């Protein structure tokens, strides 16, 4: 699996940001985080050259460790007070032409169960 997508999402209730990497267009992974309240997509960068998403994620983790930032949970969930540092690291490692500051607007579709073709 080629991880060529880098994303940053935020939970506005807990003031927590989550960064990570995934593949394809990133929407499936973002839907997973949305269930946990991460409803704001701050960055979604797709189609990165091989290895760049992984490298950038590692550099973000290193920069956070250098300022002694402690995760709120897991390894990639931090207070949104570190958002500028995360964005700065993305800017340092991802060429400007690839890193649009805002993702294209999109909405998650509500999934509804159907029985016999009737909702």
Foldseek 3Di string as FASTA:
>chain_A
DFFFKWWWFAQPVQQKIFIDTDADQCPVVVVVVVVVRRPGTFWIFGDHPGPLRVVLVVQLLVQCVVVPFDAPDDRGIGHNVCVVVSVVSCPVRPPPVRTDRGDDDDDDDDDDDDDPNHD
